[in-house]
Amino acid sequence: MASIAINGSSKDDKAETRSLKDELKDALPTGFKCKTRYLHSPPKPCDPLFSAMPGQEQEKTRLASHFLTVSVDAATLSTPGNGDVINMAIEVLVYTTKRLTTIFVSKVDSTSYVRRMRPSPIKTTVTTFLRWLAEKERRKRPNRKIVISLFARAQSQYLFPGSSDDKGKHVLDDRQLIKWWARVLDPIIPRTSRQSAGEDEDVHYQGYLTVPGYAKTELRSFMPQPSHCSTQSRWLPGHPLIELGRARGIPEHAPPRCLLPRFPDDPKARFISDLDDEIGVSQDSQITTSPSKVKSARWKSLMNLDQFWEQMEFRQECSSGRVVGFLWLVIAPNRDDDDDVFGSDIMSATNADSQDSTASLGAPFTSDSILAPDTTPTSGSPKKRKRKALSGVIIPRLPKIKSTQSSLLDMQAQLDAAAGDGVLVSAEGYDKAMSTMLHLDFSTLDAAIWSTTKWIDDVKGIAGLNGAFAADVSGTAKAEAVVAVSANGGVGVNDMSGMVRKKRKDGDTAITAEPAQATQPTVNVLSSNMVRKKPRPPAS
């Protein structure tokens, strides 16, 4: 097949067969058992992610939604219950354009119904899911640039209504959340040992972090500790928007509004809309003021991206003690995008031809096909063919009733619960499933168990499923491997106790004096009552 020749070698094809269930099984800690339910929608046309250059058309963009939930048996909790209960979920939106794939982390939330283990099941699941999605996109289009993008903004709850009322839920503040997300994305970047072994040698990974109001030197405190064996930094302060613009064919001197993406519920997207109102331009490029003022599509108050990030500090989301972090992980091939675009065009044409041939073979042979005139023009006769008068018996045609039964059967065919690949639903069905989730109650264990059952039943009805669609996952990762990765700053919290000198307290005198005796000789200190001063001679 042409896809094998374009996508790469048999090694890539073998790696592509790994399912999400297998990836989670290898990553989650030993002894952790859960059920995963993966829901996703096919790519559909959506609003453009970036504003178009002046005088150019909008980029054609397609959106695919992905939603993963992890549930555990409530009987294994410290306060036992009866039934499955969701303990975490993540929603990811994948935007695809001609030259760039953007994996946007929309929401991640958890409940208190999870055991505290190392490695953390929540953080490990998020890392594994994002790596799995990025790897799938990379193997589909090996020469296309991929970026994982998100913004970290602390809230008490994102996906589970009422979960903030649970005192057992651990909620991170702004700075803790930014550091947590950096540690989540960092393990996706291959270590030097893996690259030297020949893995991902043609792919370059680079992380970026920006926090409005913080200098570049101050951003180092949010980044994971660099590995001693790495020759270059895995994380850089700043943003990759100029680099992503070049991948899209946008020059560096383009208006800033053409380089900034607009994600749902994005703090910077609201700022962009306010700046667009100053010049009378909306996202769909409808001019609301004089065309001479919007010819350049440049804002009046801000002229470049640096000024944009400086002004973001004074926005409501980033002021009054709040901190919002913007993180990117760019996965770039060490080859040009021209081959990828050419290969994608070939694949699109091949798929279109196969669909046309399948449709022609599967078309029923009826009297309508005999009576229908052939309107296909021939190369030798430019004249239009005249229709002949119809004669004979009139065969009435029954009206075609639009039904969703066939689509439900197609969705059910996509289900592979044993492999853990999830269930495919329509975009409308996905939105309905998410709306159901946002109207449930997770304030108590009993309410969370009922809400979990309610959501599962609704998804079954949306997808037309009769049985369960959960994948049973049992972790096999050992804790020793996690400690080794943590030493490189990939997973664990950076322990700087050996580098920071604290002021000695009175109660710590006995603890700190013991190691000093082993390295330095003891110095005898004489008290003042033991020292006798020589008397002064009498004055003459």
Protein backbone atom coordinates (compact mmCIF):
# COMPACT_ATOMS: atom_id res chain seq x y z
CA MET A 1 0.00 0.00 0.00
CA ALA A 2 1.06 3.60 -0.54
CA SER A 3 0.61 4.39 3.14
CA ILE A 4 3.34 1.96 4.14
CA ALA A 5 5.79 3.46 1.67
CA ILE A 6 5.08 6.99 2.87
CA ASN A 7 4.83 6.42 6.60
CA GLY A 8 8.11 4.61 6.98
CA SER A 9 9.61 1.26 7.78
CA SER A 10 8.17 -1.86 9.32
CA LYS A 11 9.58 -0.76 12.69
CA ASP A 12 7.18 2.15 12.77
CA ASP A 13 4.30 -0.07 11.73
CA LYS A 14 5.05 -2.46 14.56
CA ALA A 15 5.18 0.35 17.10
CA GLU A 16 1.95 1.75 15.76
CA THR A 17 0.05 -1.37 16.83
CA ARG A 18 0.48 -0.59 20.52
CA SER A 19 -2.84 0.44 21.99
CA LEU A 20 -3.57 2.94 24.71
CA LYS A 21 -4.30 0.08 27.07
CA ASP A 22 -0.83 -1.40 26.56
CA GLU A 23 0.84 1.97 27.06
CA LEU A 24 -1.03 2.59 30.31
CA LYS A 25 -0.29 -0.92 31.52
CA ASP A 26 3.46 -0.36 31.15
CA ALA A 27 3.39 3.12 32.71
CA LEU A 28 1.08 2.77 35.73
CA PRO A 29 2.54 1.46 39.00
CA THR A 30 2.29 -2.17 40.01
CA GLY A 31 -0.79 -2.85 42.10
CA PHE A 32 -2.90 -0.09 40.56
CA LYS A 33 -5.97 -1.48 38.81
CA CYS A 34 -8.46 0.67 36.97
CA LYS A 35 -10.90 0.85 34.07
CA THR A 36 -10.37 3.31 31.26
CA ARG A 37 -13.11 4.59 28.97
CA TYR A 38 -11.92 6.41 25.89
CA LEU A 39 -14.32 8.50 23.81
CA HIS A 40 -13.32 10.35 20.63
CA SER A 41 -14.90 12.00 17.61
CA PRO A 42 -13.73 12.00 13.97
CA PRO A 43 -12.03 15.11 12.53
CA LYS A 44 -14.57 17.65 11.37
CA PRO A 45 -14.20 21.16 9.88
CA CYS A 46 -14.13 23.86 12.55
CA ASP A 47 -13.37 27.54 12.98
CA PRO A 48 -9.75 28.43 12.14
CA LEU A 49 -7.30 28.32 15.01
CA PHE A 50 -5.24 31.23 13.65
CA SER A 51 -6.27 34.49 12.01
CA ALA A 52 -5.43 34.75 8.33
CA MET A 53 -2.91 37.14 6.85
CA PRO A 54 -4.34 40.30 5.24
CA GLY A 55 -5.77 39.46 1.84
CA GLN A 56 -5.51 35.70 2.35
CA GLU A 57 -8.12 33.04 3.04
CA GLN A 58 -8.52 31.33 6.39
CA GLU A 59 -6.65 28.11 6.99
CA LYS A 60 -8.84 25.06 6.65
CA THR A 61 -8.87 23.46 10.08
CA ARG A 62 -10.26 20.16 11.30
CA LEU A 63 -11.01 19.30 14.93
CA ALA A 64 -11.07 15.89 16.63
CA SER A 65 -12.04 15.62 20.31
CA HIS A 66 -10.66 13.03 22.74
CA PHE A 67 -11.93 12.27 26.25
CA LEU A 68 -10.42 9.70 28.61
CA THR A 69 -11.76 8.70 32.03
CA VAL A 70 -10.15 6.47 34.64
CA SER A 71 -12.30 4.75 37.26
CA VAL A 72 -11.53 2.42 40.15
CA ASP A 73 -13.52 -0.04 42.19
CA ALA A 74 -15.00 1.86 45.12
CA ALA A 75 -14.58 -1.23 47.31
CA THR A 76 -10.79 -0.69 47.29
CA LEU A 77 -11.01 2.80 48.79
CA SER A 78 -10.41 3.67 52.43
CA THR A 79 -14.14 4.34 52.71
CA PRO A 80 -15.52 1.41 50.69
CA GLY A 81 -18.37 1.80 48.24
CA ASN A 82 -20.24 -0.34 45.76
CA GLY A 83 -19.47 0.15 42.07
CA ASP A 84 -17.04 2.01 39.84
CA VAL A 85 -16.18 5.64 40.53
CA ILE A 86 -14.30 8.01 38.22
CA ASN A 87 -11.13 9.40 39.78
CA MET A 88 -9.73 11.44 36.88
CA ALA A 89 -10.47 12.56 33.32
CA ILE A 90 -8.72 14.49 30.57
CA GLU A 91 -10.08 16.21 27.46
CA VAL A 92 -7.79 16.88 24.49
CA LEU A 93 -8.63 18.75 21.28
CA VAL A 94 -6.56 17.97 18.18
CA TYR A 95 -6.51 20.71 15.53
CA THR A 96 -5.14 19.77 12.12
CA THR A 97 -4.17 22.16 9.34
CA LYS A 98 -2.19 21.63 6.17
CA ARG A 99 1.22 21.98 7.82
CA LEU A 100 0.68 21.88 11.59
CA THR A 101 -1.00 19.61 14.14
CA THR A 102 -1.90 21.20 17.48
CA ILE A 103 -2.73 18.97 20.47
CA PHE A 104 -4.47 21.25 22.94
CA VAL A 105 -5.09 20.04 26.50
CA SER A 106 -8.51 21.46 27.25
CA LYS A 107 -9.27 20.16 30.76
CA VAL A 108 -7.86 17.78 33.34
CA ASP A 109 -9.59 17.09 36.63
CA SER A 110 -9.49 14.53 39.42
CA THR A 111 -11.44 13.49 42.47
CA SER A 112 -10.26 12.29 45.85
CA TYR A 113 -11.12 8.67 45.05
CA VAL A 114 -7.64 7.50 44.16
CA ARG A 115 -4.86 5.88 46.14
CA ARG A 116 -1.65 7.81 46.74
CA MET A 117 1.09 5.85 44.96
CA ARG A 118 4.43 6.36 43.26
CA PRO A 119 4.43 7.05 40.42
CA SER A 120 1.28 9.11 40.64
CA PRO A 121 -1.48 7.38 38.63
CA ILE A 122 -3.01 10.73 37.61
CA LYS A 123 0.20 12.30 36.36
CA THR A 124 1.31 9.08 34.70
CA THR A 125 -2.02 8.70 32.89
CA VAL A 126 -1.92 12.25 31.54
CA THR A 127 1.68 11.88 30.34
CA THR A 128 1.00 8.53 28.70
CA PHE A 129 -2.18 9.71 26.99
CA LEU A 130 -0.53 12.81 25.52
CA ARG A 131 2.50 10.83 24.38
CA TRP A 132 0.23 8.23 22.77
CA LEU A 133 -1.79 10.86 20.89
CA ALA A 134 1.35 12.66 19.72
CA GLU A 135 2.90 9.41 18.55
CA LYS A 136 -0.22 8.50 16.58
CA GLU A 137 -0.19 11.86 14.83
CA ARG A 138 3.53 11.62 14.17
CA ARG A 139 3.25 8.21 12.53
CA LYS A 140 0.36 9.38 10.37
CA ARG A 141 2.37 12.37 9.13
CA PRO A 142 6.04 11.81 9.99
CA ASN A 143 7.21 15.06 8.36
CA ARG A 144 4.68 17.37 9.98
CA LYS A 145 5.39 19.54 13.00
CA ILE A 146 3.33 18.76 16.12
CA VAL A 147 2.87 20.97 19.16
CA ILE A 148 1.30 20.08 22.51
CA SER A 149 -0.15 23.29 23.93
CA LEU A 150 -1.89 24.18 27.18
CA PHE A 151 -2.32 26.94 29.73
CA ALA A 152 -2.18 26.23 33.46
CA ARG A 153 -4.77 28.16 35.46
CA ALA A 154 -5.70 26.95 38.92
CA GLN A 155 -9.36 26.24 39.65
CA SER A 156 -11.13 24.15 42.26
CA GLN A 157 -12.86 21.98 39.64
CA TYR A 158 -12.83 21.58 35.85
CA LEU A 159 -14.83 18.51 34.83
CA PHE A 160 -16.44 17.11 37.99
CA PRO A 161 -19.18 19.36 39.42
CA GLY A 162 -19.28 19.39 43.20
CA SER A 163 -15.86 17.78 43.58
CA SER A 164 -14.50 20.97 45.15
CA ASP A 165 -16.82 20.38 48.12
CA ASP A 166 -14.94 17.18 48.91
CA LYS A 167 -12.34 17.99 51.55
CA GLY A 168 -10.22 15.05 50.42
CA LYS A 169 -9.56 16.56 46.99
CA HIS A 170 -6.07 18.01 46.63
CA VAL A 171 -6.22 21.32 44.75
CA LEU A 172 -2.97 22.91 43.54
CA ASP A 173 -2.40 26.64 43.51
CA ASP A 174 -1.19 28.57 40.47
CA ARG A 175 2.54 28.03 40.88
CA GLN A 176 2.19 24.40 41.91
CA LEU A 177 0.00 23.73 38.88
CA ILE A 178 2.53 25.22 36.45
CA LYS A 179 5.31 23.10 37.93
CA TRP A 180 3.06 20.03 37.83
CA TRP A 181 2.31 20.49 34.13
CA ALA A 182 5.99 20.96 33.32
CA ARG A 183 6.72 17.65 35.05
CA VAL A 184 3.87 16.03 33.11
CA LEU A 185 5.22 17.09 29.71
CA ASP A 186 8.89 16.53 30.50
CA PRO A 187 8.86 12.68 30.30
CA ILE A 188 7.54 12.92 26.72
CA ILE A 189 10.93 14.33 25.70
CA PRO A 190 13.28 11.37 25.06
CA ARG A 191 16.37 11.14 27.20
CA THR A 192 19.86 11.19 25.72
CA SER A 193 20.30 7.49 26.36
CA ARG A 194 17.27 6.70 24.20
CA GLN A 195 18.40 8.98 21.41
CA SER A 196 21.86 7.42 21.42
CA ALA A 197 20.21 4.01 21.08
CA GLY A 198 18.70 5.10 17.77
CA GLU A 199 15.18 6.01 18.88
CA ASP A 200 13.56 9.16 17.52
CA GLU A 201 16.84 10.28 15.98
CA ASP A 202 14.95 12.14 13.24
CA VAL A 203 12.69 14.04 15.66
CA HIS A 204 13.54 17.04 17.80
CA TYR A 205 11.69 17.79 21.04
CA GLN A 206 11.72 21.19 22.75
CA GLY A 207 9.65 22.54 25.63
CA TYR A 208 8.75 26.21 26.16
CA LEU A 209 7.27 28.02 29.14
CA THR A 210 5.92 31.56 29.51
CA VAL A 211 4.38 33.13 32.60
CA PRO A 212 3.21 36.74 32.13
CA GLY A 213 4.86 38.98 34.70
CA TYR A 214 7.93 36.77 35.19
CA ALA A 215 11.37 37.38 33.73
CA LYS A 216 13.11 34.63 31.80
CA THR A 217 15.53 34.03 34.65
CA GLU A 218 12.62 33.59 37.06
CA LEU A 219 10.98 30.97 34.84
CA ARG A 220 13.72 28.48 35.68
CA SER A 221 12.03 27.83 39.01
CA PHE A 222 8.99 26.40 37.20
CA MET A 223 10.97 24.09 34.91
CA PRO A 224 12.06 20.55 35.76
CA GLN A 225 15.63 20.08 36.88
CA PRO A 226 17.85 19.53 33.81
CA SER A 227 19.55 16.20 33.37
CA HIS A 228 23.32 16.05 33.86
CA CYS A 229 23.78 13.82 30.81
CA SER A 230 21.88 16.06 28.37
CA THR A 231 23.87 18.36 26.12
CA GLN A 232 21.06 20.87 25.57
CA SER A 233 18.23 22.18 27.68
CA ARG A 234 14.92 20.41 27.27
CA TRP A 235 13.03 23.54 28.38
CA LEU A 236 13.49 27.12 27.26
CA PRO A 237 11.86 30.30 28.58
CA GLY A 238 9.70 31.95 25.97
CA HIS A 239 7.34 30.72 23.26
CA PRO A 240 7.60 28.93 19.88
CA LEU A 241 4.97 31.04 18.07
CA ILE A 242 7.46 32.39 15.51
CA GLU A 243 8.67 28.87 14.77
CA LEU A 244 5.11 27.58 14.44
CA GLY A 245 4.31 30.48 12.14
CA ARG A 246 7.15 29.51 9.81
CA ALA A 247 5.80 25.96 9.73
CA ARG A 248 2.46 27.41 8.56
CA GLY A 249 4.14 29.57 5.93
CA ILE A 250 3.66 32.81 7.91
CA PRO A 251 6.59 35.28 7.89
CA GLU A 252 8.12 36.61 11.10
CA HIS A 253 6.99 40.17 10.37
CA ALA A 254 3.34 39.08 10.20
CA PRO A 255 0.81 40.82 12.47
CA PRO A 256 0.81 39.28 15.96
CA ARG A 257 -2.86 38.32 15.64
CA CYS A 258 -1.87 35.93 12.82
CA LEU A 259 0.65 34.11 15.04
CA LEU A 260 -1.46 33.65 18.17
CA PRO A 261 -3.87 30.69 18.39
CA ARG A 262 -7.35 31.06 19.88
CA PHE A 263 -8.32 28.11 22.03
CA PRO A 264 -11.62 27.64 23.88
CA ASP A 265 -11.72 29.48 27.23
CA ASP A 266 -8.22 30.83 26.57
CA PRO A 267 -7.15 33.93 28.55
CA LYS A 268 -5.07 35.27 25.68
CA ALA A 269 -7.91 34.64 23.19
CA ARG A 270 -10.11 37.12 25.07
CA PHE A 271 -7.28 39.64 25.01
CA ILE A 272 -6.90 39.14 21.26
CA SER A 273 -10.62 39.77 20.76
CA ASP A 274 -10.40 43.03 22.70
CA LEU A 275 -7.45 44.16 20.58
CA ASP A 276 -9.29 43.23 17.39
CA ASP A 277 -12.17 45.45 18.44
CA GLU A 278 -9.79 48.42 18.40
CA ILE A 279 -9.23 48.06 14.66
CA GLY A 280 -12.67 46.70 13.82
CA VAL A 281 -11.67 43.17 12.81
CA SER A 282 -13.28 39.99 14.04
CA GLN A 283 -12.04 36.42 13.95
CA ASP A 284 -13.94 35.65 10.75
CA SER A 285 -12.28 38.69 9.06
CA GLN A 286 -15.51 40.65 8.77
CA ILE A 287 -14.60 44.34 8.60
CA THR A 288 -16.66 46.49 10.94
CA THR A 289 -14.89 49.78 10.32
CA SER A 290 -13.13 51.62 7.52
CA PRO A 291 -11.09 49.25 5.32
CA SER A 292 -8.16 51.66 5.33
CA LYS A 293 -7.72 51.15 9.09
CA VAL A 294 -7.61 47.39 8.88
CA LYS A 295 -5.52 47.02 5.74
CA SER A 296 -2.46 45.97 7.70
CA ALA A 297 -4.43 44.00 10.35
CA ARG A 298 -2.09 45.36 13.01
CA TRP A 299 -3.17 46.48 16.43
CA LYS A 300 -2.75 50.10 17.43
CA SER A 301 -1.35 49.61 20.93
CA LEU A 302 0.73 46.44 20.44
CA MET A 303 3.13 45.95 17.57
CA ASN A 304 4.85 42.63 18.36
CA LEU A 305 4.56 39.47 20.43
CA ASP A 306 6.86 40.70 23.19
CA GLN A 307 4.55 43.62 23.90
CA PHE A 308 1.58 41.25 23.84
CA TRP A 309 3.02 39.07 26.60
CA GLU A 310 4.02 42.12 28.62
CA GLN A 311 0.45 43.44 28.51
CA MET A 312 -0.95 40.03 29.42
CA GLU A 313 0.44 40.63 32.90
CA PHE A 314 -2.24 43.28 33.51
CA ARG A 315 -5.16 41.17 32.34
CA GLN A 316 -7.68 40.01 34.92
CA GLU A 317 -6.64 36.38 34.59
CA CYS A 318 -2.96 37.19 35.27
CA SER A 319 -3.28 39.97 37.86
CA SER A 320 -4.42 40.35 41.48
CA GLY A 321 -2.06 37.63 42.64
CA ARG A 322 -3.06 35.15 39.94
CA VAL A 323 -0.48 33.39 37.81
CA VAL A 324 -1.19 31.70 34.47
CA GLY A 325 1.42 29.56 32.75
CA PHE A 326 1.53 28.86 29.01
CA LEU A 327 3.38 25.69 28.03
CA TRP A 328 4.32 24.21 24.66
CA LEU A 329 6.09 21.04 23.63
CA VAL A 330 7.17 21.16 19.98
CA ILE A 331 7.83 17.87 18.19
CA ALA A 332 9.60 18.78 14.96
CA PRO A 333 11.04 16.45 12.32
CA ASN A 334 14.52 17.11 11.02
CA ARG A 335 13.12 17.17 7.48
CA ASP A 336 11.15 19.60 5.37
CA ASP A 337 7.36 19.68 5.31
CA ASP A 338 7.16 19.62 1.52
CA ASP A 339 7.42 15.84 1.36
CA ASP A 340 4.74 15.49 4.00
CA VAL A 341 2.32 17.75 2.17
CA PHE A 342 2.97 15.86 -1.04
CA GLY A 343 2.48 12.55 0.72
CA SER A 344 -0.72 13.75 2.36
CA ASP A 345 -2.07 14.81 -1.03
CA ILE A 346 -1.26 11.38 -2.41
CA MET A 347 -2.99 9.68 0.50
CA SER A 348 -6.03 11.93 0.17
CA ALA A 349 -6.29 11.20 -3.53
CA THR A 350 -5.83 7.48 -2.92
CA ASN A 351 -8.51 7.42 -0.24
CA ALA A 352 -10.87 9.43 -2.42
CA ASP A 353 -10.34 7.05 -5.33
CA SER A 354 -10.92 4.03 -3.13
CA GLN A 355 -14.09 5.55 -1.71
CA ASP A 356 -15.37 6.32 -5.20
CA SER A 357 -14.62 2.81 -6.39
CA THR A 358 -16.26 1.30 -3.34
CA ALA A 359 -19.32 3.44 -3.82
CA SER A 360 -19.58 2.46 -7.47
CA LEU A 361 -19.23 -1.24 -6.69
CA GLY A 362 -21.71 -1.08 -3.86
CA ALA A 363 -24.38 0.90 -5.75
CA PRO A 364 -27.57 -1.13 -6.28
CA PHE A 365 -28.63 -1.95 -9.86
CA THR A 366 -32.13 -0.50 -10.19
CA SER A 367 -34.36 0.80 -12.90
CA ASP A 368 -33.43 4.34 -11.89
CA SER A 369 -29.87 3.74 -12.96
CA ILE A 370 -31.10 2.60 -16.35
CA LEU A 371 -33.41 5.55 -16.87
CA ALA A 372 -30.98 8.18 -15.56
CA PRO A 373 -29.18 9.95 -18.39
CA ASP A 374 -25.41 9.93 -18.62
CA THR A 375 -24.35 13.51 -17.97
CA THR A 376 -20.60 12.85 -17.97
CA PRO A 377 -19.04 14.96 -20.75
CA THR A 378 -16.66 13.29 -23.15
CA SER A 379 -13.41 14.75 -24.33
CA GLY A 380 -14.31 14.46 -28.00
CA SER A 381 -17.81 15.97 -27.94
CA PRO A 382 -18.14 19.34 -26.21
CA LYS A 383 -21.82 19.49 -27.13
CA LYS A 384 -24.36 18.66 -24.45
CA ARG A 385 -26.23 15.43 -24.89
CA LYS A 386 -29.96 15.87 -25.46
CA ARG A 387 -32.28 14.06 -23.12
CA LYS A 388 -34.66 11.60 -24.71
CA ALA A 389 -38.31 11.52 -23.84
CA LEU A 390 -39.04 8.95 -21.15
CA SER A 391 -41.53 6.23 -21.94
CA GLY A 392 -42.74 3.02 -20.40
CA VAL A 393 -43.98 2.04 -16.97
CA ILE A 394 -43.47 4.61 -14.23
CA ILE A 395 -41.82 3.05 -11.19
CA PRO A 396 -42.45 5.13 -8.05
CA ARG A 397 -39.52 5.66 -5.67
CA LEU A 398 -40.00 5.43 -1.94
CA PRO A 399 -38.84 8.43 0.10
CA LYS A 400 -35.50 7.99 1.83
CA ILE A 401 -35.86 8.38 5.57
CA LYS A 402 -32.72 9.68 7.21
CA SER A 403 -31.84 7.34 10.03
CA THR A 404 -28.96 7.08 12.47
CA GLN A 405 -29.09 3.30 12.64
CA SER A 406 -26.37 2.86 10.04
CA SER A 407 -24.12 5.40 11.72
CA LEU A 408 -24.61 3.68 15.07
CA LEU A 409 -23.59 0.39 13.53
CA ASP A 410 -20.49 2.03 12.10
CA MET A 411 -19.65 3.44 15.52
CA GLN A 412 -20.12 0.07 17.12
CA ALA A 413 -17.78 -1.44 14.54
CA GLN A 414 -15.09 1.00 15.69
CA LEU A 415 -15.27 -0.29 19.23
CA ASP A 416 -12.39 -2.44 20.41
CA ALA A 417 -12.70 -2.60 24.16
CA ALA A 418 -10.28 -5.49 24.46
CA ALA A 419 -7.51 -3.46 22.81
CA GLY A 420 -8.41 -0.28 24.69
CA ASP A 421 -8.84 1.88 21.60
CA GLY A 422 -12.13 3.35 22.81
CA VAL A 423 -15.33 4.15 20.97
CA LEU A 424 -15.88 6.55 18.09
CA VAL A 425 -18.93 8.82 18.26
CA SER A 426 -20.14 11.73 16.19
CA ALA A 427 -19.31 15.30 17.11
CA GLU A 428 -22.88 15.82 18.29
CA GLY A 429 -22.73 12.67 20.40
CA TYR A 430 -19.43 13.75 21.91
CA ASP A 431 -20.87 17.14 22.88
CA LYS A 432 -23.87 15.43 24.46
CA ALA A 433 -21.63 13.13 26.49
CA MET A 434 -19.58 16.10 27.73
CA SER A 435 -22.73 18.03 28.59
CA THR A 436 -23.93 15.09 30.66
CA MET A 437 -20.63 14.98 32.55
CA LEU A 438 -20.82 18.68 33.41
CA HIS A 439 -24.29 18.27 34.95
CA LEU A 440 -23.49 15.45 37.39
CA ASP A 441 -22.52 15.48 41.07
CA PHE A 442 -19.20 14.33 42.54
CA SER A 443 -19.43 15.94 45.97
CA THR A 444 -19.67 12.63 47.88
CA LEU A 445 -18.68 9.05 47.18
CA ASP A 446 -22.25 7.83 46.77
CA ALA A 447 -23.07 10.71 44.44
CA ALA A 448 -19.90 10.09 42.44
CA ILE A 449 -20.73 6.38 42.03
CA TRP A 450 -24.23 7.24 40.82
CA SER A 451 -22.86 9.91 38.47
CA THR A 452 -20.33 7.47 37.04
CA THR A 453 -23.04 4.92 36.29
CA LYS A 454 -25.27 7.62 34.82
CA TRP A 455 -22.57 8.88 32.47
CA ILE A 456 -21.63 5.37 31.31
CA ASP A 457 -25.25 4.51 30.52
CA ASP A 458 -25.71 7.75 28.58
CA VAL A 459 -22.59 7.09 26.50
CA LYS A 460 -23.86 3.61 25.70
CA GLY A 461 -27.10 5.11 24.46
CA ILE A 462 -25.29 7.74 22.40
CA ALA A 463 -22.98 5.21 20.76
CA GLY A 464 -25.60 2.46 20.41
CA LEU A 465 -23.68 -0.02 22.54
CA ASN A 466 -25.14 -2.99 24.37
CA GLY A 467 -22.18 -4.07 26.46
CA ALA A 468 -19.48 -2.36 28.47
CA PHE A 469 -16.78 -0.41 26.67
CA ALA A 470 -14.26 -0.19 29.51
CA ALA A 471 -10.72 -1.50 29.25
CA ASP A 472 -9.28 -3.18 32.35
CA VAL A 473 -5.77 -1.95 33.05
CA SER A 474 -3.36 -3.33 35.66
CA GLY A 475 -0.14 -1.41 36.12
CA THR A 476 3.22 -3.17 35.83
CA ALA A 477 5.71 -0.32 36.34
CA LYS A 478 8.12 -0.68 39.24
CA ALA A 479 8.85 2.09 41.71
CA GLU A 480 12.61 1.75 41.17
CA ALA A 481 12.29 2.94 37.59
CA VAL A 482 10.42 6.02 38.76
CA VAL A 483 13.21 7.00 41.16
CA ALA A 484 15.76 6.79 38.34
CA VAL A 485 13.71 9.07 36.13
CA SER A 486 13.10 11.43 39.01
CA ALA A 487 16.83 11.91 39.37
CA ASN A 488 16.84 13.46 35.92
CA GLY A 489 14.07 15.83 36.83
CA GLY A 490 11.48 14.02 34.72
CA VAL A 491 8.83 12.98 37.20
CA GLY A 492 9.51 13.63 40.85
CA VAL A 493 9.67 16.87 42.73
CA ASN A 494 13.09 18.48 42.68
CA ASP A 495 14.84 17.89 46.01
CA MET A 496 17.22 20.80 46.57
CA SER A 497 17.79 20.19 50.26
CA GLY A 498 21.44 19.41 49.62
CA MET A 499 21.96 22.69 47.76
CA VAL A 500 20.10 25.14 49.99
CA ARG A 501 21.71 26.32 53.20
CA LYS A 502 19.19 27.06 55.88
CA LYS A 503 19.72 29.21 58.93
CA ARG A 504 20.54 27.05 61.91
CA LYS A 505 17.94 26.87 64.63
CA ASP A 506 18.56 26.29 68.34
CA GLY A 507 16.97 22.85 68.21
CA ASP A 508 19.14 21.77 65.27
CA THR A 509 22.50 22.39 67.00
CA ALA A 510 22.98 18.79 68.03
CA ILE A 511 22.06 17.50 64.54
CA THR A 512 24.37 19.77 62.57
CA ALA A 513 27.33 19.49 64.95
CA GLU A 514 27.83 15.76 64.41
CA PRO A 515 28.82 15.83 60.70
CA ALA A 516 31.10 18.80 61.37
CA GLN A 517 33.19 16.72 63.80
CA ALA A 518 33.90 14.15 61.14
CA THR A 519 35.41 16.65 58.71
CA GLN A 520 37.04 19.29 60.92
CA PRO A 521 39.18 19.00 64.09
CA THR A 522 37.60 19.90 67.36
CA VAL A 523 38.30 23.44 68.53
CA ASN A 524 38.46 23.96 72.31
CA VAL A 525 36.56 27.05 73.34
CA LEU A 526 37.32 28.35 76.84
CA SER A 527 34.65 30.18 78.73
CA SER A 528 35.27 33.60 80.21
CA ASN A 529 35.43 32.37 83.84
CA MET A 530 38.36 30.09 83.01
CA VAL A 531 40.57 32.79 81.50
CA ARG A 532 42.77 34.71 83.95
CA LYS A 533 43.93 38.09 82.86
CA LYS A 534 47.39 39.35 83.82
CA PRO A 535 47.08 42.16 86.39
CA ARG A 536 48.27 45.54 85.31
CA PRO A 537 51.43 46.91 87.03
CA PRO A 538 50.87 49.76 89.53
CA ALA A 539 51.30 53.23 88.13
CA SER A 540 54.57 54.86 89.04
